[in-house]
C-alpha atoms as a PDB file:
ATOM      1  CA  UNK A   1     -48.112  55.646  44.763  1.00  0.00           C
ATOM      2  CA  UNK A   2     -47.371  57.483  47.884  1.00  0.00           C
ATOM      3  CA  UNK A   3     -48.277  54.205  49.612  1.00  0.00           C
ATOM      4  CA  UNK A   4     -45.553  52.005  48.326  1.00  0.00           C
ATOM      5  CA  UNK A   5     -43.228  54.906  48.796  1.00  0.00           C
ATOM      6  CA  UNK A   6     -43.595  54.830  52.317  1.00  0.00           C
ATOM      7  CA  UNK A   7     -43.778  51.584  52.520  1.00  0.00           C
ATOM      8  CA  UNK A   8     -40.045  51.371  51.585  1.00  0.00           C
ATOM      9  CA  UNK A   9     -39.181  53.840  54.016  1.00  0.00           C
ATOM     10  CA  UNK A  10     -40.128  51.397  56.889  1.00  0.00           C
ATOM     11  CA  UNK A  11     -38.573  48.406  55.462  1.00  0.00           C
ATOM     12  CA  UNK A  12     -35.379  51.100  55.017  1.00  0.00           C
ATOM     13  CA  UNK A  13     -35.417  51.638  58.839  1.00  0.00           C
ATOM     14  CA  UNK A  14     -37.251  55.050  58.852  1.00  0.00           C
ATOM     15  CA  UNK A  15     -39.999  55.866  61.490  1.00  0.00           C
ATOM     16  CA  UNK A  16     -42.711  56.580  59.031  1.00  0.00           C
ATOM     17  CA  UNK A  17     -46.217  58.185  60.440  1.00  0.00           C
ATOM     18  CA  UNK A  18     -48.397  59.120  57.071  1.00  0.00           C
ATOM     19  CA  UNK A  19     -51.789  60.976  56.728  1.00  0.00           C
ATOM     20  CA  UNK A  20     -54.341  60.497  53.787  1.00  0.00           C
ATOM     21  CA  UNK A  21     -57.882  61.507  53.146  1.00  0.00           C
ATOM     22  CA  UNK A  22     -58.410  58.073  51.617  1.00  0.00           C
ATOM     23  CA  UNK A  23     -59.401  55.471  53.856  1.00  0.00           C
ATOM     24  CA  UNK A  24     -58.151  52.399  51.921  1.00  0.00           C
ATOM     25  CA  UNK A  25     -54.680  53.797  51.292  1.00  0.00           C
ATOM     26  CA  UNK A  26     -54.199  54.354  54.925  1.00  0.00           C
ATOM     27  CA  UNK A  27     -55.280  51.008  55.827  1.00  0.00           C
ATOM     28  CA  UNK A  28     -52.634  49.663  53.338  1.00  0.00           C
ATOM     29  CA  UNK A  29     -50.186  51.914  54.994  1.00  0.00           C
ATOM     30  CA  UNK A  30     -50.821  51.069  58.960  1.00  0.00           C
ATOM     31  CA  UNK A  31     -50.433  47.698  56.849  1.00  0.00           C
ATOM     32  CA  UNK A  32     -47.113  48.565  55.473  1.00  0.00           C
ATOM     33  CA  UNK A  33     -45.925  49.685  59.342  1.00  0.00           C
ATOM     34  CA  UNK A  34     -46.599  53.221  58.765  1.00  0.00           C
ATOM     35  CA  UNK A  35     -48.030  54.882  61.736  1.00  0.00           C
ATOM     36  CA  UNK A  36     -51.343  56.650  60.833  1.00  0.00           C
ATOM     37  CA  UNK A  37     -51.924  60.391  61.839  1.00  0.00           C
ATOM     38  CA  UNK A  38     -55.394  61.815  62.306  1.00  0.00           C
ATOM     39  CA  UNK A  39     -53.969  64.759  60.726  1.00  0.00           C
ATOM     40  CA  UNK A  40     -51.514  66.001  58.673  1.00  0.00           C
ATOM     41  CA  UNK A  41     -50.591  68.911  60.805  1.00  0.00           C
ATOM     42  CA  UNK A  42     -50.514  65.649  63.263  1.00  0.00           C
ATOM     43  CA  UNK A  43     -48.047  63.267  60.887  1.00  0.00           C
ATOM     44  CA  UNK A  44     -44.977  66.228  60.169  1.00  0.00           C
ATOM     45  CA  UNK A  45     -45.898  67.480  63.949  1.00  0.00           C
ATOM     46  CA  UNK A  46     -42.061  65.367  64.623  1.00  0.00           C
ATOM     47  CA  UNK A  47     -41.265  64.739  61.825  1.00  0.00           C
ATOM     48  CA  UNK A  48     -37.591  65.573  60.435  1.00  0.00           C
ATOM     49  CA  UNK A  49     -38.831  64.959  56.804  1.00  0.00           C
ATOM     50  CA  UNK A  50     -41.844  66.106  55.202  1.00  0.00           C
ATOM     51  CA  UNK A  51     -42.902  64.342  52.089  1.00  0.00           C
ATOM     52  CA  UNK A  52     -45.685  65.143  49.941  1.00  0.00           C
ATOM     53  CA  UNK A  53     -47.486  63.552  46.783  1.00  0.00           C
ATOM     54  CA  UNK A  54     -50.807  65.739  45.891  1.00  0.00           C
ATOM     55  CA  UNK A  55     -52.769  66.462  42.082  1.00  0.00           C
ATOM     56  CA  UNK A  56     -51.507  69.824  41.164  1.00  0.00           C
ATOM     57  CA  UNK A  57     -49.576  72.833  42.627  1.00  0.00           C
ATOM     58  CA  UNK A  58     -52.822  75.183  44.560  1.00  0.00           C
ATOM     59  CA  UNK A  59     -52.856  71.333  46.459  1.00  0.00           C
ATOM     60  CA  UNK A  60     -48.709  71.705  47.103  1.00  0.00           C
ATOM     61  CA  UNK A  61     -49.439  75.404  47.937  1.00  0.00           C
ATOM     62  CA  UNK A  62     -52.385  75.199  50.163  1.00  0.00           C
ATOM     63  CA  UNK A  63     -50.989  72.100  52.373  1.00  0.00           C
ATOM     64  CA  UNK A  64     -47.385  73.650  52.013  1.00  0.00           C
ATOM     65  CA  UNK A  65     -49.139  76.872  53.847  1.00  0.00           C
ATOM     66  CA  UNK A  66     -51.395  74.694  56.777  1.00  0.00           C
ATOM     67  CA  UNK A  67     -48.318  72.560  57.583  1.00  0.00           C
ATOM     68  CA  UNK A  68     -45.716  75.178  58.378  1.00  0.00           C
ATOM     69  CA  UNK A  69     -47.443  76.055  61.521  1.00  0.00           C
ATOM     70  CA  UNK A  70     -47.153  72.143  62.781  1.00  0.00           C
ATOM     71  CA  UNK A  71     -43.515  71.194  62.014  1.00  0.00           C
ATOM     72  CA  UNK A  72     -40.432  71.148  64.023  1.00  0.00           C
ATOM     73  CA  UNK A  73     -37.211  73.964  63.075  1.00  0.00           C
ATOM     74  CA  UNK A  74     -35.443  73.221  60.507  1.00  0.00           C
ATOM     75  CA  UNK A  75     -37.611  70.606  58.798  1.00  0.00           C
ATOM     76  CA  UNK A  76     -37.065  69.358  55.618  1.00  0.00           C
ATOM     77  CA  UNK A  77     -39.639  69.426  52.899  1.00  0.00           C
ATOM     78  CA  UNK A  78     -39.497  66.981  49.885  1.00  0.00           C
ATOM     79  CA  UNK A  79     -42.231  67.257  47.073  1.00  0.00           C
ATOM     80  CA  UNK A  80     -43.443  64.317  44.534  1.00  0.00           C
ATOM     81  CA  UNK A  81     -45.738  65.763  43.145  1.00  0.00           C
ATOM     82  CA  UNK A  82     -45.404  66.231  39.760  1.00  0.00           C
ATOM     83  CA  UNK A  83     -46.653  70.123  39.279  1.00  0.00           C
ATOM     84  CA  UNK A  84     -46.304  73.805  37.347  1.00  0.00           C
ATOM     85  CA  UNK A  85     -42.369  74.812  37.669  1.00  0.00           C
ATOM     86  CA  UNK A  86     -43.579  77.986  39.157  1.00  0.00           C
ATOM     87  CA  UNK A  87     -45.957  76.638  41.691  1.00  0.00           C
ATOM     88  CA  UNK A  88     -42.928  74.278  42.540  1.00  0.00           C
ATOM     89  CA  UNK A  89     -40.473  77.465  43.217  1.00  0.00           C
ATOM     90  CA  UNK A  90     -43.362  79.435  44.452  1.00  0.00           C
ATOM     91  CA  UNK A  91     -43.447  76.651  46.779  1.00  0.00           C
ATOM     92  CA  UNK A  92     -39.830  76.086  47.621  1.00  0.00           C
ATOM     93  CA  UNK A  93     -40.077  80.324  48.565  1.00  0.00           C
ATOM     94  CA  UNK A  94     -42.678  79.429  51.083  1.00  0.00           C
ATOM     95  CA  UNK A  95     -40.342  76.787  53.001  1.00  0.00           C
ATOM     96  CA  UNK A  96     -37.073  78.955  52.919  1.00  0.00           C
ATOM     97  CA  UNK A  97     -39.407  82.185  54.001  1.00  0.00           C
ATOM     98  CA  UNK A  98     -40.334  80.073  56.848  1.00  0.00           C
ATOM     99  CA  UNK A  99     -36.999  79.008  57.983  1.00  0.00           C
ATOM    100  CA  UNK A 100     -36.932  75.623  56.606  1.00  0.00           C
ATOM    101  CA  UNK A 101     -35.245  73.790  53.713  1.00  0.00           C
ATOM    102  CA  UNK A 102     -37.229  72.060  50.339  1.00  0.00           C
ATOM    103  CA  UNK A 103     -37.008  70.519  47.600  1.00  0.00           C
ATOM    104  CA  UNK A 104     -39.169  69.652  44.136  1.00  0.00           C
ATOM    105  CA  UNK A 105     -38.275  65.497  43.626  1.00  0.00           C
ATOM    106  CA  UNK A 106     -40.421  64.578  40.836  1.00  0.00           C
ATOM    107  CA  UNK A 107     -40.636  60.897  40.213  1.00  0.00           C
ATOM    108  CA  UNK A 108     -40.718  58.286  37.295  1.00  0.00           C
ATOM    109  CA  UNK A 109     -41.162  54.865  37.229  1.00  0.00           C
ATOM    110  CA  UNK A 110     -45.280  54.757  37.962  1.00  0.00           C
ATOM    111  CA  UNK A 111     -46.457  52.214  40.791  1.00  0.00           C
ATOM    112  CA  UNK A 112     -44.466  49.344  39.922  1.00  0.00           C
ATOM    113  CA  UNK A 113     -41.076  51.708  40.276  1.00  0.00           C
ATOM    114  CA  UNK A 114     -42.646  52.772  43.853  1.00  0.00           C
ATOM    115  CA  UNK A 115     -43.005  49.047  45.134  1.00  0.00           C
ATOM    116  CA  UNK A 116     -39.727  47.987  44.219  1.00  0.00           C
ATOM    117  CA  UNK A 117     -37.587  51.180  45.245  1.00  0.00           C
ATOM    118  CA  UNK A 118     -36.639  51.860  41.553  1.00  0.00           C
ATOM    119  CA  UNK A 119     -37.835  55.180  40.900  1.00  0.00           C
ATOM    120  CA  UNK A 120     -35.624  57.925  39.158  1.00  0.00           C
ATOM    121  CA  UNK A 121     -35.592  61.116  41.721  1.00  0.00           C
ATOM    122  CA  UNK A 122     -35.448  64.116  39.626  1.00  0.00           C
ATOM    123  CA  UNK A 123     -34.249  67.217  42.184  1.00  0.00           C
ATOM    124  CA  UNK A 124     -34.677  70.794  42.372  1.00  0.00           C
ATOM    125  CA  UNK A 125     -32.669  72.232  45.147  1.00  0.00           C
ATOM    126  CA  UNK A 126     -29.616  73.702  46.431  1.00  0.00           C
ATOM    127  CA  UNK A 127     -27.035  71.609  47.094  1.00  0.00           C
ATOM    128  CA  UNK A 128     -27.177  71.509  51.095  1.00  0.00           C
ATOM    129  CA  UNK A 129     -30.761  70.692  50.388  1.00  0.00           C
ATOM    130  CA  UNK A 130     -30.083  67.822  48.013  1.00  0.00           C
ATOM    131  CA  UNK A 131     -27.555  66.486  50.362  1.00  0.00           C
ATOM    132  CA  UNK A 132     -29.908  66.826  52.594  1.00  0.00           C
ATOM    133  CA  UNK A 133     -32.765  64.948  50.777  1.00  0.00           C
ATOM    134  CA  UNK A 134     -30.727  62.338  49.071  1.00  0.00           C
ATOM    135  CA  UNK A 135     -30.364  59.506  51.598  1.00  0.00           C
ATOM    136  CA  UNK A 136     -34.341  59.479  51.863  1.00  0.00           C
ATOM    137  CA  UNK A 137     -34.881  59.158  48.101  1.00  0.00           C
ATOM    138  CA  UNK A 138     -32.493  56.227  48.239  1.00  0.00           C
ATOM    139  CA  UNK A 139     -34.508  54.345  50.725  1.00  0.00           C
ATOM    140  CA  UNK A 140     -37.011  54.886  47.428  1.00  0.00           C
ATOM    141  CA  UNK A 141     -35.493  54.982  43.928  1.00  0.00           C
ATOM    142  CA  UNK A 142     -32.142  53.742  42.514  1.00  0.00           C
ATOM    143  CA  UNK A 143     -31.460  56.931  40.168  1.00  0.00           C
ATOM    144  CA  UNK A 144     -31.448  60.123  42.177  1.00  0.00           C
ATOM    145  CA  UNK A 145     -30.398  63.126  39.845  1.00  0.00           C
ATOM    146  CA  UNK A 146     -29.524  66.981  41.178  1.00  0.00           C
ATOM    147  CA  UNK A 147     -31.246  68.502  38.479  1.00  0.00           C
ATOM    148  CA  UNK A 148     -30.419  72.015  39.437  1.00  0.00           C
ATOM    149  CA  UNK A 149     -32.424  74.940  41.665  1.00  0.00           C
ATOM    150  CA  UNK A 150     -36.029  75.040  42.750  1.00  0.00           C
ATOM    151  CA  UNK A 151     -38.319  73.805  40.243  1.00  0.00           C
ATOM    152  CA  UNK A 152     -35.430  72.012  37.966  1.00  0.00           C
ATOM    153  CA  UNK A 153     -37.091  68.333  38.877  1.00  0.00           C
ATOM    154  CA  UNK A 154     -40.113  69.502  37.878  1.00  0.00           C
ATOM    155  CA  UNK A 155     -38.824  70.709  34.517  1.00  0.00           C
ATOM    156  CA  UNK A 156     -36.714  67.808  33.740  1.00  0.00           C
ATOM    157  CA  UNK A 157     -39.629  65.558  35.228  1.00  0.00           C
ATOM    158  CA  UNK A 158     -42.601  67.895  32.127  1.00  0.00           C
ATOM    159  CA  UNK A 159     -39.693  66.914  29.485  1.00  0.00           C
ATOM    160  CA  UNK A 160     -39.396  63.895  29.801  1.00  0.00           C
ATOM    161  CA  UNK A 161     -43.014  62.833  30.212  1.00  0.00           C
ATOM    162  CA  UNK A 162     -43.684  64.756  26.936  1.00  0.00           C
ATOM    163  CA  UNK A 163     -40.816  62.863  25.537  1.00  0.00           C
ATOM    164  CA  UNK A 164     -42.710  59.442  26.928  1.00  0.00           C
ATOM    165  CA  UNK A 165     -46.408  60.628  25.701  1.00  0.00           C
ATOM    166  CA  UNK A 166     -45.036  61.512  22.349  1.00  0.00           C
ATOM    167  CA  UNK A 167     -43.230  58.378  21.769  1.00  0.00           C
ATOM    168  CA  UNK A 168     -45.989  56.577  23.100  1.00  0.00           C
ATOM    169  CA  UNK A 169     -48.710  57.919  20.273  1.00  0.00           C
ATOM    170  CA  UNK A 170     -45.889  57.404  17.796  1.00  0.00           C
ATOM    171  CA  UNK A 171     -46.398  53.388  18.297  1.00  0.00           C
ATOM    172  CA  UNK A 172     -49.422  53.098  18.834  1.00  0.00           C
ATOM    173  CA  UNK A 173     -49.935  54.476  15.294  1.00  0.00           C
ATOM    174  CA  UNK A 174     -47.116  51.676  14.076  1.00  0.00           C
ATOM    175  CA  UNK A 175     -48.928  49.353  15.423  1.00  0.00           C
ATOM    176  CA  UNK A 176     -52.001  50.193  14.279  1.00  0.00           C
ATOM    177  CA  UNK A 177     -50.860  50.504  10.644  1.00  0.00           C
ATOM    178  CA  UNK A 178     -48.664  47.266  11.482  1.00  0.00           C
ATOM    179  CA  UNK A 179     -51.827  45.649  11.428  1.00  0.00           C
ATOM    180  CA  UNK A 180     -53.699  47.467   8.639  1.00  0.00           C
ATOM    181  CA  UNK A 181     -50.853  45.957   5.817  1.00  0.00           C
ATOM    182  CA  UNK A 182     -51.037  42.776   7.545  1.00  0.00           C
ATOM    183  CA  UNK A 183     -48.022  42.682   9.663  1.00  0.00           C
ATOM    184  CA  UNK A 184     -48.188  40.869  13.353  1.00  0.00           C
ATOM    185  CA  UNK A 185     -47.262  42.791  16.417  1.00  0.00           C
ATOM    186  CA  UNK A 186     -44.640  39.998  17.210  1.00  0.00           C
ATOM    187  CA  UNK A 187     -42.987  40.623  14.513  1.00  0.00           C
ATOM    188  CA  UNK A 188     -43.166  44.201  14.120  1.00  0.00           C
ATOM    189  CA  UNK A 189     -42.184  44.235  17.877  1.00  0.00           C
ATOM    190  CA  UNK A 190     -39.105  42.164  17.016  1.00  0.00           C
ATOM    191  CA  UNK A 191     -37.701  44.141  14.647  1.00  0.00           C
ATOM    192  CA  UNK A 192     -38.768  47.401  15.944  1.00  0.00           C
ATOM    193  CA  UNK A 193     -37.682  46.241  19.490  1.00  0.00           C
ATOM    194  CA  UNK A 194     -33.903  45.995  18.160  1.00  0.00           C
ATOM    195  CA  UNK A 195     -33.955  48.534  15.696  1.00  0.00           C
ATOM    196  CA  UNK A 196     -33.871  52.519  15.305  1.00  0.00           C
ATOM    197  CA  UNK A 197     -37.721  52.366  16.301  1.00  0.00           C
ATOM    198  CA  UNK A 198     -36.192  50.906  19.862  1.00  0.00           C
ATOM    199  CA  UNK A 199     -37.895  53.546  23.080  1.00  0.00           C
ATOM    200  CA  UNK A 200     -38.957  52.814  26.713  1.00  0.00           C
ATOM    201  CA  UNK A 201     -42.613  52.877  25.217  1.00  0.00           C
ATOM    202  CA  UNK A 202     -42.372  50.118  22.816  1.00  0.00           C
ATOM    203  CA  UNK A 203     -40.195  47.390  25.591  1.00  0.00           C
ATOM    204  CA  UNK A 204     -41.214  48.111  28.730  1.00  0.00           C
ATOM    205  CA  UNK A 205     -44.695  49.453  27.799  1.00  0.00           C
ATOM    206  CA  UNK A 206     -45.755  48.056  24.993  1.00  0.00           C
ATOM    207  CA  UNK A 207     -49.720  49.354  23.934  1.00  0.00           C
ATOM    208  CA  UNK A 208     -50.448  46.260  22.490  1.00  0.00           C
ATOM    209  CA  UNK A 209     -51.066  42.826  23.964  1.00  0.00           C
ATOM    210  CA  UNK A 210     -48.184  39.746  23.505  1.00  0.00           C
ATOM    211  CA  UNK A 211     -44.525  40.712  22.760  1.00  0.00           C
ATOM    212  CA  UNK A 212     -44.422  42.820  26.614  1.00  0.00           C
ATOM    213  CA  UNK A 213     -46.021  40.582  29.645  1.00  0.00           C
ATOM    214  CA  UNK A 214     -45.748  42.827  32.320  1.00  0.00           C
ATOM    215  CA  UNK A 215     -46.722  45.669  29.628  1.00  0.00           C
ATOM    216  CA  UNK A 216     -50.431  46.950  31.055  1.00  0.00           C
ATOM    217  CA  UNK A 217     -52.273  45.929  27.502  1.00  0.00           C
ATOM    218  CA  UNK A 218     -52.192  42.764  28.801  1.00  0.00           C
ATOM    219  CA  UNK A 219     -54.069  43.297  31.901  1.00  0.00           C
ATOM    220  CA  UNK A 220     -57.020  45.220  30.168  1.00  0.00           C
ATOM    221  CA  UNK A 221     -54.971  48.237  30.021  1.00  0.00           C
ATOM    222  CA  UNK A 222     -54.932  48.878  33.736  1.00  0.00           C
ATOM    223  CA  UNK A 223     -53.119  51.380  34.949  1.00  0.00           C
ATOM    224  CA  UNK A 224     -49.872  51.595  35.791  1.00  0.00           C
ATOM    225  CA  UNK A 225     -49.425  55.140  34.493  1.00  0.00           C
ATOM    226  CA  UNK A 226     -53.141  56.447  33.920  1.00  0.00           C
ATOM    227  CA  UNK A 227     -53.920  58.337  30.808  1.00  0.00           C
ATOM    228  CA  UNK A 228     -55.281  61.450  33.272  1.00  0.00           C
ATOM    229  CA  UNK A 229     -51.888  61.751  34.234  1.00  0.00           C
ATOM    230  CA  UNK A 230     -50.854  61.762  30.940  1.00  0.00           C
ATOM    231  CA  UNK A 231     -52.975  64.529  30.219  1.00  0.00           C
ATOM    232  CA  UNK A 232     -52.255  66.277  33.307  1.00  0.00           C
ATOM    233  CA  UNK A 233     -48.472  66.365  32.822  1.00  0.00           C
ATOM    234  CA  UNK A 234     -48.313  66.721  28.654  1.00  0.00           C
ATOM    235  CA  UNK A 235     -50.627  70.319  29.747  1.00  0.00           C
ATOM    236  CA  UNK A 236     -47.669  71.078  32.061  1.00  0.00           C
ATOM    237  CA  UNK A 237     -45.516  71.156  29.674  1.00  0.00           C
ATOM    238  CA  UNK A 238     -47.713  73.587  26.864  1.00  0.00           C
ATOM    239  CA  UNK A 239     -48.003  75.700  29.711  1.00  0.00           C
ATOM    240  CA  UNK A 240     -43.850  75.693  30.652  1.00  0.00           C
ATOM    241  CA  UNK A 241     -44.241  76.162  26.658  1.00  0.00           C
ATOM    242  CA  UNK A 242     -45.870  79.551  26.399  1.00  0.00           C
ATOM    243  CA  UNK A 243     -44.200  81.117  29.605  1.00  0.00           C
ATOM    244  CA  UNK A 244     -40.539  79.864  27.615  1.00  0.00           C
ATOM    245  CA  UNK A 245     -42.212  81.280  24.427  1.00  0.00           C
ATOM    246  CA  UNK A 246     -42.230  78.402  22.635  1.00  0.00           C
ATOM    247  CA  UNK A 247     -44.310  76.516  20.297  1.00  0.00           C
ATOM    248  CA  UNK A 248     -44.832  72.894  20.830  1.00  0.00           C
ATOM    249  CA  UNK A 249     -45.757  71.209  17.435  1.00  0.00           C
ATOM    250  CA  UNK A 250     -45.948  68.013  18.661  1.00  0.00           C
ATOM    251  CA  UNK A 251     -45.825  68.317  22.424  1.00  0.00           C
ATOM    252  CA  UNK A 252     -49.345  70.711  21.986  1.00  0.00           C
ATOM    253  CA  UNK A 253     -50.286  68.063  19.404  1.00  0.00           C
ATOM    254  CA  UNK A 254     -50.261  65.190  22.183  1.00  0.00           C
ATOM    255  CA  UNK A 255     -51.756  66.972  25.246  1.00  0.00           C
ATOM    256  CA  UNK A 256     -55.076  67.563  23.319  1.00  0.00           C
ATOM    257  CA  UNK A 257     -54.856  63.705  22.174  1.00  0.00           C
ATOM    258  CA  UNK A 258     -54.383  62.333  25.619  1.00  0.00           C
ATOM    259  CA  UNK A 259     -56.696  65.288  26.888  1.00  0.00           C
ATOM    260  CA  UNK A 260     -59.629  64.102  25.008  1.00  0.00           C
ATOM    261  CA  UNK A 261     -58.833  60.164  25.321  1.00  0.00           C
ATOM    262  CA  UNK A 262     -58.745  60.484  29.377  1.00  0.00           C
ATOM    263  CA  UNK A 263     -62.065  62.936  29.246  1.00  0.00           C
ATOM    264  CA  UNK A 264     -63.678  60.041  26.981  1.00  0.00           C
ATOM    265  CA  UNK A 265     -63.026  56.289  26.882  1.00  0.00           C
ATOM    266  CA  UNK A 266     -59.669  56.554  28.216  1.00  0.00           C
ATOM    267  CA  UNK A 267     -60.633  57.479  31.787  1.00  0.00           C
ATOM    268  CA  UNK A 268     -59.010  54.948  34.291  1.00  0.00           C
ATOM    269  CA  UNK A 269     -57.219  53.384  31.804  1.00  0.00           C
ATOM    270  CA  UNK A 270     -53.076  53.284  31.130  1.00  0.00           C
ATOM    271  CA  UNK A 271     -52.094  56.132  29.091  1.00  0.00           C
ATOM    272  CA  UNK A 272     -51.022  53.379  26.354  1.00  0.00           C
ATOM    273  CA  UNK A 273     -54.393  52.548  25.780  1.00  0.00           C
ATOM    274  CA  UNK A 274     -54.506  55.464  23.527  1.00  0.00           C
ATOM    275  CA  UNK A 275     -53.602  52.934  20.931  1.00  0.00           C
ATOM    276  CA  UNK A 276     -57.443  52.512  21.041  1.00  0.00           C
ATOM    277  CA  UNK A 277     -57.965  55.145  20.641  1.00  0.00           C
ATOM    278  CA  UNK A 278     -55.820  55.994  17.434  1.00  0.00           C
ATOM    279  CA  UNK A 279     -57.277  52.385  16.367  1.00  0.00           C
ATOM    280  CA  UNK A 280     -61.072  53.710  16.463  1.00  0.00           C
ATOM    281  CA  UNK A 281     -60.082  56.924  14.463  1.00  0.00           C
ATOM    282  CA  UNK A 282     -58.486  54.549  11.657  1.00  0.00           C
ATOM    283  CA  UNK A 283     -62.021  52.881  11.571  1.00  0.00           C
ATOM    284  CA  UNK A 284     -64.050  55.309  11.138  1.00  0.00           C
END
């Protein structure tokens, strides 16, 4: 997602220098007008704002420690990764201790939203930090929500994605049940999409081909949001619940289902392909 986000910053008139470990990502970014650096430290050396999107909290913390000696005074760090709440707070503390500003700003909207600059940013930061980050975020998204202090953006993201993961399982089970009862996909969609079963997992990311032409189900489940990422986010929700002394009945089960799916037949597929796993379990 970082590639199209960087391209939108270029389109908005920002001078963007980027770095990535994947050569193809660098090639695509360069074609979009991003200046390519030879290292992460080189990329941030003249930057006013440093934007990162990385796989896990340990990567963010390690990257911040490596970059802090290379940045200018009073640099703003914006992390758009989805990571553990405690790691996000630790990253903020590292940056603040070095005299800089930091926000956690995970996103929702997938690759399509990143490309169209319609992402939702969930921001954890102080008021001054949020005000500094907002103009940059607005070049990449159309909804910027200040969720609270550091870590609050990550808290909002994992709660939102837990809703999404559970919803997709429910929608998938409903379609598989409808199949078993002789109900067509279109008929179920026409009812549920305008009734009390309506939800984003149904109307935007429908897990069966046909009713929603833009859904990954019509592209053999090529990922807009991969099942492995859903498994990761649900795992973060379960971990956060443990620190909050809370049991997640549906969230924990959804995490188990997505982890099993992502580690097996769902590897490389969109998270809506969980319908295949549900269908398979029914027929066994």
